[in-house]
Amino acid sequence: MTTAHPTNTRAEIPRALLLAALLLGAVLAVKHLPPDYLSPDVARRILAVLPGVPALYYANAVPKYLGPFLGGRCDPAAEQALRRFVGWTLTLGSLGYVAASAFAPWSVANDLAAGLLGAAVLVVFTRLALLFAGRRHA
């Protein structure tokens, strides 16, 4: 079982702060650009897409994180396979969120985006629940 080193954990703080600063900067830029530069519909789409960016970033990082995930309850190969499953599922859900926010008709865009990401989270929780339920009976 691998563990996260303090230097790896500390390296994440500047990245997270940079991502937050970029998101806040994008929101401020979109809010303060005059309609001559950016139509209200495009501004609304950009603001709808922005929450999917950190979800996509962190979902992609799940398989690469080396910290304790299951606490040594299974062999490392099975744990890494689970990490890949979680990473892929959340990445695809986040991509669905971004795509729906950007391209779906506005009347259904928010509901569709939330539904796609929510479904991905539900699939991950279901897989984890089945894994832990199987461990209790074994």
N, C-alpha and C. Protein backbone atom coordinates (compact mmCIF):
# COMPACT_ATOMS: atom_id res chain seq x y z
N MET A 1 0.85 -1.18 0.00
CA MET A 1 0.00 0.00 0.00
C MET A 1 0.89 1.23 0.00
N THR A 2 0.62 2.14 -0.88
CA THR A 2 1.40 3.36 -0.94
C THR A 2 0.71 4.45 -0.14
N THR A 3 1.50 5.39 0.32
CA THR A 3 0.93 6.49 1.08
C THR A 3 1.40 7.80 0.49
N ALA A 4 0.65 8.83 0.75
CA ALA A 4 1.01 10.16 0.26
C ALA A 4 2.13 10.73 1.12
N HIS A 5 3.09 11.30 0.46
CA HIS A 5 4.16 11.97 1.18
C HIS A 5 3.72 13.40 1.47
N PRO A 6 4.17 13.98 2.58
CA PRO A 6 3.76 15.35 2.90
C PRO A 6 4.10 16.33 1.79
N THR A 7 5.20 16.10 1.06
CA THR A 7 5.55 17.02 -0.02
C THR A 7 4.51 16.95 -1.14
N ASN A 8 3.94 15.77 -1.41
CA ASN A 8 2.90 15.66 -2.42
C ASN A 8 1.64 16.39 -1.99
N THR A 9 1.30 16.27 -0.72
CA THR A 9 0.12 16.94 -0.20
C THR A 9 0.30 18.45 -0.23
N ARG A 10 1.48 18.91 0.14
CA ARG A 10 1.75 20.34 0.13
C ARG A 10 1.80 20.90 -1.28
N ALA A 11 2.17 20.08 -2.25
CA ALA A 11 2.22 20.53 -3.63
C ALA A 11 0.82 20.77 -4.18
N GLU A 12 -0.18 20.11 -3.63
CA GLU A 12 -1.55 20.27 -4.09
C GLU A 12 -2.15 21.62 -3.70
N ILE A 13 -1.71 22.19 -2.60
CA ILE A 13 -2.28 23.45 -2.13
C ILE A 13 -2.08 24.58 -3.14
N PRO A 14 -0.86 24.80 -3.65
CA PRO A 14 -0.71 25.87 -4.66
C PRO A 14 -1.53 25.59 -5.92
N ARG A 15 -1.62 24.32 -6.33
CA ARG A 15 -2.43 23.99 -7.52
C ARG A 15 -3.89 24.30 -7.29
N ALA A 16 -4.39 23.95 -6.12
CA ALA A 16 -5.79 24.21 -5.81
C ALA A 16 -6.05 25.72 -5.74
N LEU A 17 -5.13 26.45 -5.14
CA LEU A 17 -5.28 27.91 -5.07
C LEU A 17 -5.21 28.55 -6.46
N LEU A 18 -4.34 28.02 -7.32
CA LEU A 18 -4.24 28.53 -8.68
C LEU A 18 -5.53 28.25 -9.45
N LEU A 19 -6.07 27.05 -9.30
CA LEU A 19 -7.33 26.72 -9.96
C LEU A 19 -8.45 27.62 -9.46
N ALA A 20 -8.51 27.85 -8.16
CA ALA A 20 -9.53 28.74 -7.60
C ALA A 20 -9.37 30.16 -8.14
N ALA A 21 -8.13 30.63 -8.19
CA ALA A 21 -7.88 31.99 -8.71
C ALA A 21 -8.28 32.09 -10.18
N LEU A 22 -7.97 31.07 -10.96
CA LEU A 22 -8.36 31.09 -12.37
C LEU A 22 -9.88 31.09 -12.54
N LEU A 23 -10.56 30.30 -11.73
CA LEU A 23 -12.02 30.27 -11.81
C LEU A 23 -12.63 31.61 -11.40
N LEU A 24 -12.13 32.18 -10.31
CA LEU A 24 -12.64 33.48 -9.88
C LEU A 24 -12.32 34.56 -10.91
N GLY A 25 -11.13 34.50 -11.48
CA GLY A 25 -10.77 35.46 -12.53
C GLY A 25 -11.66 35.33 -13.75
N ALA A 26 -11.98 34.10 -14.12
CA ALA A 26 -12.87 33.89 -15.26
C ALA A 26 -14.27 34.44 -14.97
N VAL A 27 -14.76 34.21 -13.77
CA VAL A 27 -16.08 34.72 -13.39
C VAL A 27 -16.08 36.25 -13.43
N LEU A 28 -15.05 36.86 -12.86
CA LEU A 28 -14.97 38.32 -12.87
C LEU A 28 -14.87 38.86 -14.29
N ALA A 29 -14.08 38.21 -15.12
CA ALA A 29 -13.94 38.66 -16.51
C ALA A 29 -15.27 38.56 -17.25
N VAL A 30 -15.97 37.46 -17.07
CA VAL A 30 -17.25 37.29 -17.76
C VAL A 30 -18.27 38.30 -17.25
N LYS A 31 -18.28 38.53 -15.95
CA LYS A 31 -19.26 39.46 -15.37
C LYS A 31 -19.02 40.90 -15.80
N HIS A 32 -17.75 41.28 -16.01
CA HIS A 32 -17.44 42.67 -16.27
C HIS A 32 -17.18 42.99 -17.74
N LEU A 33 -17.21 41.99 -18.61
CA LEU A 33 -17.07 42.28 -20.03
C LEU A 33 -18.36 42.90 -20.54
N PRO A 34 -18.26 43.96 -21.31
CA PRO A 34 -19.48 44.57 -21.84
C PRO A 34 -20.12 43.66 -22.90
N PRO A 35 -21.41 43.83 -23.12
CA PRO A 35 -22.12 42.98 -24.09
C PRO A 35 -21.55 43.08 -25.51
N ASP A 36 -20.79 44.15 -25.79
CA ASP A 36 -20.18 44.26 -27.12
C ASP A 36 -19.15 43.15 -27.34
N TYR A 37 -18.49 42.70 -26.29
CA TYR A 37 -17.45 41.67 -26.40
C TYR A 37 -17.98 40.26 -26.19
N LEU A 38 -19.02 40.15 -25.40
CA LEU A 38 -19.52 38.83 -25.04
C LEU A 38 -21.03 38.89 -24.89
N SER A 39 -21.74 38.10 -25.69
CA SER A 39 -23.20 38.13 -25.61
C SER A 39 -23.65 37.54 -24.27
N PRO A 40 -24.81 37.95 -23.80
CA PRO A 40 -25.30 37.42 -22.53
C PRO A 40 -25.47 35.90 -22.54
N ASP A 41 -25.85 35.33 -23.69
CA ASP A 41 -26.02 33.87 -23.77
C ASP A 41 -24.66 33.16 -23.62
N VAL A 42 -23.64 33.68 -24.27
CA VAL A 42 -22.32 33.07 -24.16
C VAL A 42 -21.79 33.23 -22.74
N ALA A 43 -22.01 34.38 -22.13
CA ALA A 43 -21.57 34.60 -20.75
C ALA A 43 -22.27 33.62 -19.82
N ARG A 44 -23.55 33.39 -20.02
CA ARG A 44 -24.30 32.45 -19.19
C ARG A 44 -23.76 31.03 -19.37
N ARG A 45 -23.43 30.66 -20.61
CA ARG A 45 -22.87 29.33 -20.87
C ARG A 45 -21.51 29.16 -20.20
N ILE A 46 -20.68 30.17 -20.29
CA ILE A 46 -19.35 30.10 -19.66
C ILE A 46 -19.49 29.92 -18.16
N LEU A 47 -20.38 30.70 -17.55
CA LEU A 47 -20.58 30.59 -16.11
C LEU A 47 -21.18 29.23 -15.72
N ALA A 48 -21.94 28.62 -16.62
CA ALA A 48 -22.51 27.31 -16.34
C ALA A 48 -21.46 26.21 -16.47
N VAL A 49 -20.48 26.40 -17.35
CA VAL A 49 -19.43 25.41 -17.58
C VAL A 49 -18.39 25.42 -16.45
N LEU A 50 -18.14 26.56 -15.89
CA LEU A 50 -17.04 26.72 -14.92
C LEU A 50 -17.07 25.75 -13.73
N PRO A 51 -18.20 25.42 -13.13
CA PRO A 51 -18.16 24.45 -12.02
C PRO A 51 -17.71 23.06 -12.44
N GLY A 52 -17.83 22.73 -13.71
CA GLY A 52 -17.38 21.42 -14.17
C GLY A 52 -15.88 21.30 -14.30
N VAL A 53 -15.18 22.43 -14.36
CA VAL A 53 -13.73 22.41 -14.54
C VAL A 53 -13.01 21.81 -13.33
N PRO A 54 -13.28 22.24 -12.10
CA PRO A 54 -12.60 21.59 -10.98
C PRO A 54 -13.02 20.13 -10.80
N ALA A 55 -14.29 19.84 -11.09
CA ALA A 55 -14.73 18.44 -11.01
C ALA A 55 -13.94 17.59 -11.99
N LEU A 56 -13.73 18.09 -13.18
CA LEU A 56 -12.96 17.37 -14.19
C LEU A 56 -11.50 17.23 -13.77
N TYR A 57 -10.93 18.28 -13.23
CA TYR A 57 -9.53 18.25 -12.79
C TYR A 57 -9.33 17.21 -11.68
N TYR A 58 -10.17 17.23 -10.67
CA TYR A 58 -9.99 16.32 -9.55
C TYR A 58 -10.39 14.89 -9.89
N ALA A 59 -11.38 14.71 -10.76
CA ALA A 59 -11.74 13.36 -11.19
C ALA A 59 -10.59 12.72 -11.95
N ASN A 60 -9.91 13.50 -12.75
CA ASN A 60 -8.76 13.00 -13.50
C ASN A 60 -7.59 12.68 -12.57
N ALA A 61 -7.53 13.31 -11.43
CA ALA A 61 -6.42 13.10 -10.50
C ALA A 61 -6.61 11.89 -9.59
N VAL A 62 -7.83 11.36 -9.49
CA VAL A 62 -8.10 10.26 -8.56
C VAL A 62 -7.18 9.07 -8.77
N PRO A 63 -7.00 8.54 -9.99
CA PRO A 63 -6.14 7.36 -10.14
C PRO A 63 -4.67 7.64 -9.86
N LYS A 64 -4.28 8.90 -9.89
CA LYS A 64 -2.87 9.26 -9.69
C LYS A 64 -2.53 9.51 -8.23
N TYR A 65 -3.53 9.69 -7.38
CA TYR A 65 -3.31 9.96 -5.97
C TYR A 65 -2.81 8.69 -5.28
N LEU A 66 -1.76 8.83 -4.49
CA LEU A 66 -1.14 7.66 -3.88
C LEU A 66 -1.47 7.50 -2.41
N GLY A 67 -2.38 8.27 -1.90
CA GLY A 67 -2.72 8.19 -0.48
C GLY A 67 -3.57 6.99 -0.17
N PRO A 68 -3.81 6.74 1.11
CA PRO A 68 -4.65 5.60 1.49
C PRO A 68 -6.08 5.81 1.01
N PHE A 69 -6.61 4.82 0.36
CA PHE A 69 -7.96 4.92 -0.20
C PHE A 69 -8.88 3.94 0.50
N LEU A 70 -8.47 2.70 0.52
CA LEU A 70 -9.26 1.68 1.18
C LEU A 70 -8.60 1.19 2.46
N GLY A 71 -7.52 1.81 2.86
CA GLY A 71 -6.86 1.44 4.10
C GLY A 71 -6.28 0.04 4.12
N GLY A 72 -5.80 -0.42 2.98
CA GLY A 72 -5.18 -1.74 2.92
C GLY A 72 -6.15 -2.89 3.00
N ARG A 73 -7.42 -2.66 2.70
CA ARG A 73 -8.43 -3.71 2.80
C ARG A 73 -8.42 -4.67 1.61
N CYS A 74 -7.68 -4.33 0.56
CA CYS A 74 -7.58 -5.23 -0.58
C CYS A 74 -6.19 -5.10 -1.17
N ASP A 75 -5.88 -5.97 -2.11
CA ASP A 75 -4.54 -5.92 -2.69
C ASP A 75 -4.39 -4.65 -3.53
N PRO A 76 -3.14 -4.19 -3.70
CA PRO A 76 -2.90 -2.92 -4.41
C PRO A 76 -3.43 -2.91 -5.84
N ALA A 77 -3.38 -4.04 -6.54
CA ALA A 77 -3.88 -4.07 -7.92
C ALA A 77 -5.39 -3.83 -7.96
N ALA A 78 -6.11 -4.44 -7.04
CA ALA A 78 -7.57 -4.24 -6.99
C ALA A 78 -7.89 -2.80 -6.59
N GLU A 79 -7.11 -2.26 -5.68
CA GLU A 79 -7.33 -0.87 -5.26
C GLU A 79 -7.08 0.09 -6.42
N GLN A 80 -6.03 -0.15 -7.20
CA GLN A 80 -5.74 0.71 -8.33
C GLN A 80 -6.82 0.58 -9.41
N ALA A 81 -7.34 -0.64 -9.59
CA ALA A 81 -8.44 -0.83 -10.54
C ALA A 81 -9.67 -0.04 -10.09
N LEU A 82 -9.93 -0.02 -8.80
CA LEU A 82 -11.05 0.76 -8.28
C LEU A 82 -10.80 2.25 -8.48
N ARG A 83 -9.57 2.69 -8.26
CA ARG A 83 -9.24 4.11 -8.49
C ARG A 83 -9.47 4.48 -9.94
N ARG A 84 -9.05 3.61 -10.86
CA ARG A 84 -9.26 3.89 -12.28
C ARG A 84 -10.75 3.96 -12.61
N PHE A 85 -11.52 3.04 -12.05
CA PHE A 85 -12.97 3.06 -12.27
C PHE A 85 -13.57 4.37 -11.77
N VAL A 86 -13.21 4.77 -10.55
CA VAL A 86 -13.73 6.02 -9.98
C VAL A 86 -13.29 7.21 -10.83
N GLY A 87 -12.01 7.23 -11.21
CA GLY A 87 -11.49 8.33 -12.02
C GLY A 87 -12.20 8.44 -13.37
N TRP A 88 -12.32 7.32 -14.07
CA TRP A 88 -12.98 7.33 -15.38
C TRP A 88 -14.46 7.72 -15.24
N THR A 89 -15.13 7.17 -14.27
CA THR A 89 -16.56 7.45 -14.11
C THR A 89 -16.79 8.92 -13.81
N LEU A 90 -16.03 9.47 -12.88
CA LEU A 90 -16.21 10.88 -12.53
C LEU A 90 -15.72 11.81 -13.64
N THR A 91 -14.68 11.40 -14.37
CA THR A 91 -14.21 12.20 -15.50
C THR A 91 -15.28 12.25 -16.59
N LEU A 92 -15.86 11.11 -16.91
CA LEU A 92 -16.93 11.10 -17.93
C LEU A 92 -18.15 11.87 -17.46
N GLY A 93 -18.50 11.75 -16.17
CA GLY A 93 -19.62 12.54 -15.64
C GLY A 93 -19.34 14.03 -15.70
N SER A 94 -18.10 14.41 -15.40
CA SER A 94 -17.72 15.83 -15.46
C SER A 94 -17.71 16.34 -16.90
N LEU A 95 -17.22 15.51 -17.82
CA LEU A 95 -17.26 15.90 -19.24
C LEU A 95 -18.70 16.06 -19.71
N GLY A 96 -19.58 15.16 -19.25
CA GLY A 96 -20.99 15.30 -19.58
C GLY A 96 -21.57 16.59 -19.03
N TYR A 97 -21.17 16.93 -17.81
CA TYR A 97 -21.63 18.18 -17.19
C TYR A 97 -21.20 19.38 -18.04
N VAL A 98 -19.92 19.40 -18.41
CA VAL A 98 -19.39 20.52 -19.20
C VAL A 98 -20.07 20.58 -20.56
N ALA A 99 -20.21 19.42 -21.23
CA ALA A 99 -20.81 19.40 -22.55
C ALA A 99 -22.28 19.82 -22.50
N ALA A 100 -23.01 19.33 -21.53
CA ALA A 100 -24.42 19.70 -21.41
C ALA A 100 -24.56 21.19 -21.09
N SER A 101 -23.71 21.71 -20.24
CA SER A 101 -23.76 23.13 -19.91
C SER A 101 -23.42 23.99 -21.12
N ALA A 102 -22.54 23.50 -21.96
CA ALA A 102 -22.09 24.29 -23.10
C ALA A 102 -23.01 24.18 -24.31
N PHE A 103 -23.58 22.99 -24.55
CA PHE A 103 -24.23 22.77 -25.83
C PHE A 103 -25.71 22.41 -25.78
N ALA A 104 -26.22 21.96 -24.66
CA ALA A 104 -27.63 21.56 -24.60
C ALA A 104 -28.52 22.80 -24.66
N PRO A 105 -29.76 22.62 -25.12
CA PRO A 105 -30.68 23.77 -25.08
C PRO A 105 -30.78 24.30 -23.64
N TRP A 106 -30.80 25.60 -23.52
CA TRP A 106 -30.69 26.22 -22.20
C TRP A 106 -31.81 25.79 -21.26
N SER A 107 -32.96 25.48 -21.78
CA SER A 107 -34.09 25.11 -20.91
C SER A 107 -33.83 23.80 -20.17
N VAL A 108 -32.97 22.94 -20.70
CA VAL A 108 -32.68 21.65 -20.04
C VAL A 108 -31.21 21.51 -19.64
N ALA A 109 -30.40 22.49 -19.97
CA ALA A 109 -28.94 22.36 -19.78
C ALA A 109 -28.56 22.12 -18.32
N ASN A 110 -29.09 22.90 -17.41
CA ASN A 110 -28.71 22.76 -16.00
C ASN A 110 -29.15 21.42 -15.42
N ASP A 111 -30.37 21.02 -15.72
CA ASP A 111 -30.86 19.74 -15.20
C ASP A 111 -30.09 18.57 -15.81
N LEU A 112 -29.83 18.63 -17.10
CA LEU A 112 -29.08 17.57 -17.76
C LEU A 112 -27.66 17.48 -17.22
N ALA A 113 -27.01 18.63 -17.06
CA ALA A 113 -25.64 18.65 -16.54
C ALA A 113 -25.58 18.05 -15.14
N ALA A 114 -26.46 18.50 -14.28
CA ALA A 114 -26.48 17.97 -12.91
C ALA A 114 -26.83 16.49 -12.89
N GLY A 115 -27.72 16.08 -13.77
CA GLY A 115 -28.09 14.67 -13.84
C GLY A 115 -26.94 13.79 -14.28
N LEU A 116 -26.16 14.24 -15.26
CA LEU A 116 -25.03 13.45 -15.74
C LEU A 116 -23.95 13.30 -14.66
N LEU A 117 -23.61 14.40 -14.02
CA LEU A 117 -22.59 14.32 -12.97
C LEU A 117 -23.13 13.56 -11.76
N GLY A 118 -24.38 13.80 -11.43
CA GLY A 118 -24.99 13.08 -10.31
C GLY A 118 -25.07 11.58 -10.56
N ALA A 119 -25.36 11.19 -11.79
CA ALA A 119 -25.40 9.77 -12.13
C ALA A 119 -24.02 9.14 -11.97
N ALA A 120 -22.99 9.85 -12.37
CA ALA A 120 -21.62 9.33 -12.21
C ALA A 120 -21.29 9.14 -10.74
N VAL A 121 -21.65 10.11 -9.91
CA VAL A 121 -21.40 9.99 -8.47
C VAL A 121 -22.19 8.83 -7.89
N LEU A 122 -23.42 8.65 -8.33
CA LEU A 122 -24.25 7.54 -7.86
C LEU A 122 -23.65 6.19 -8.26
N VAL A 123 -23.12 6.09 -9.46
CA VAL A 123 -22.47 4.84 -9.90
C VAL A 123 -21.26 4.55 -9.03
N VAL A 124 -20.47 5.58 -8.72
CA VAL A 124 -19.28 5.39 -7.87
C VAL A 124 -19.70 4.94 -6.48
N PHE A 125 -20.69 5.61 -5.89
CA PHE A 125 -21.15 5.22 -4.55
C PHE A 125 -21.73 3.81 -4.54
N THR A 126 -22.44 3.45 -5.59
CA THR A 126 -22.99 2.10 -5.69
C THR A 126 -21.88 1.06 -5.75
N ARG A 127 -20.86 1.34 -6.55
CA ARG A 127 -19.73 0.40 -6.65
C ARG A 127 -19.03 0.26 -5.31
N LEU A 128 -18.81 1.36 -4.61
CA LEU A 128 -18.17 1.30 -3.30
C LEU A 128 -19.06 0.57 -2.29
N ALA A 129 -20.35 0.82 -2.32
CA ALA A 129 -21.25 0.14 -1.39
C ALA A 129 -21.26 -1.36 -1.64
N LEU A 130 -21.27 -1.77 -2.90
CA LEU A 130 -21.23 -3.20 -3.23
C LEU A 130 -19.91 -3.82 -2.79
N LEU A 131 -18.84 -3.08 -2.96
CA LEU A 131 -17.53 -3.58 -2.55
C LEU A 131 -17.48 -3.80 -1.04
N PHE A 132 -17.94 -2.82 -0.29
CA PHE A 132 -17.90 -2.94 1.17
C PHE A 132 -18.92 -3.94 1.69
N ALA A 133 -20.06 -4.06 1.03
CA ALA A 133 -21.05 -5.06 1.45
C ALA A 133 -20.51 -6.46 1.22
N GLY A 134 -19.80 -6.66 0.11
CA GLY A 134 -19.19 -7.96 -0.16
C GLY A 134 -18.08 -8.28 0.82
N ARG A 135 -17.37 -7.29 1.29
CA ARG A 135 -16.28 -7.50 2.26
C ARG A 135 -16.84 -7.94 3.61
N ARG A 136 -17.99 -7.43 4.00
CA ARG A 136 -18.56 -7.79 5.30
C ARG A 136 -19.02 -9.24 5.33
N HIS A 137 -19.49 -9.73 4.18
CA HIS A 137 -20.00 -11.09 4.13
C HIS A 137 -18.91 -12.12 3.87
N ALA A 138 -17.73 -11.66 3.45
CA ALA A 138 -16.66 -12.60 3.12
C ALA A 138 -15.91 -13.07 4.35
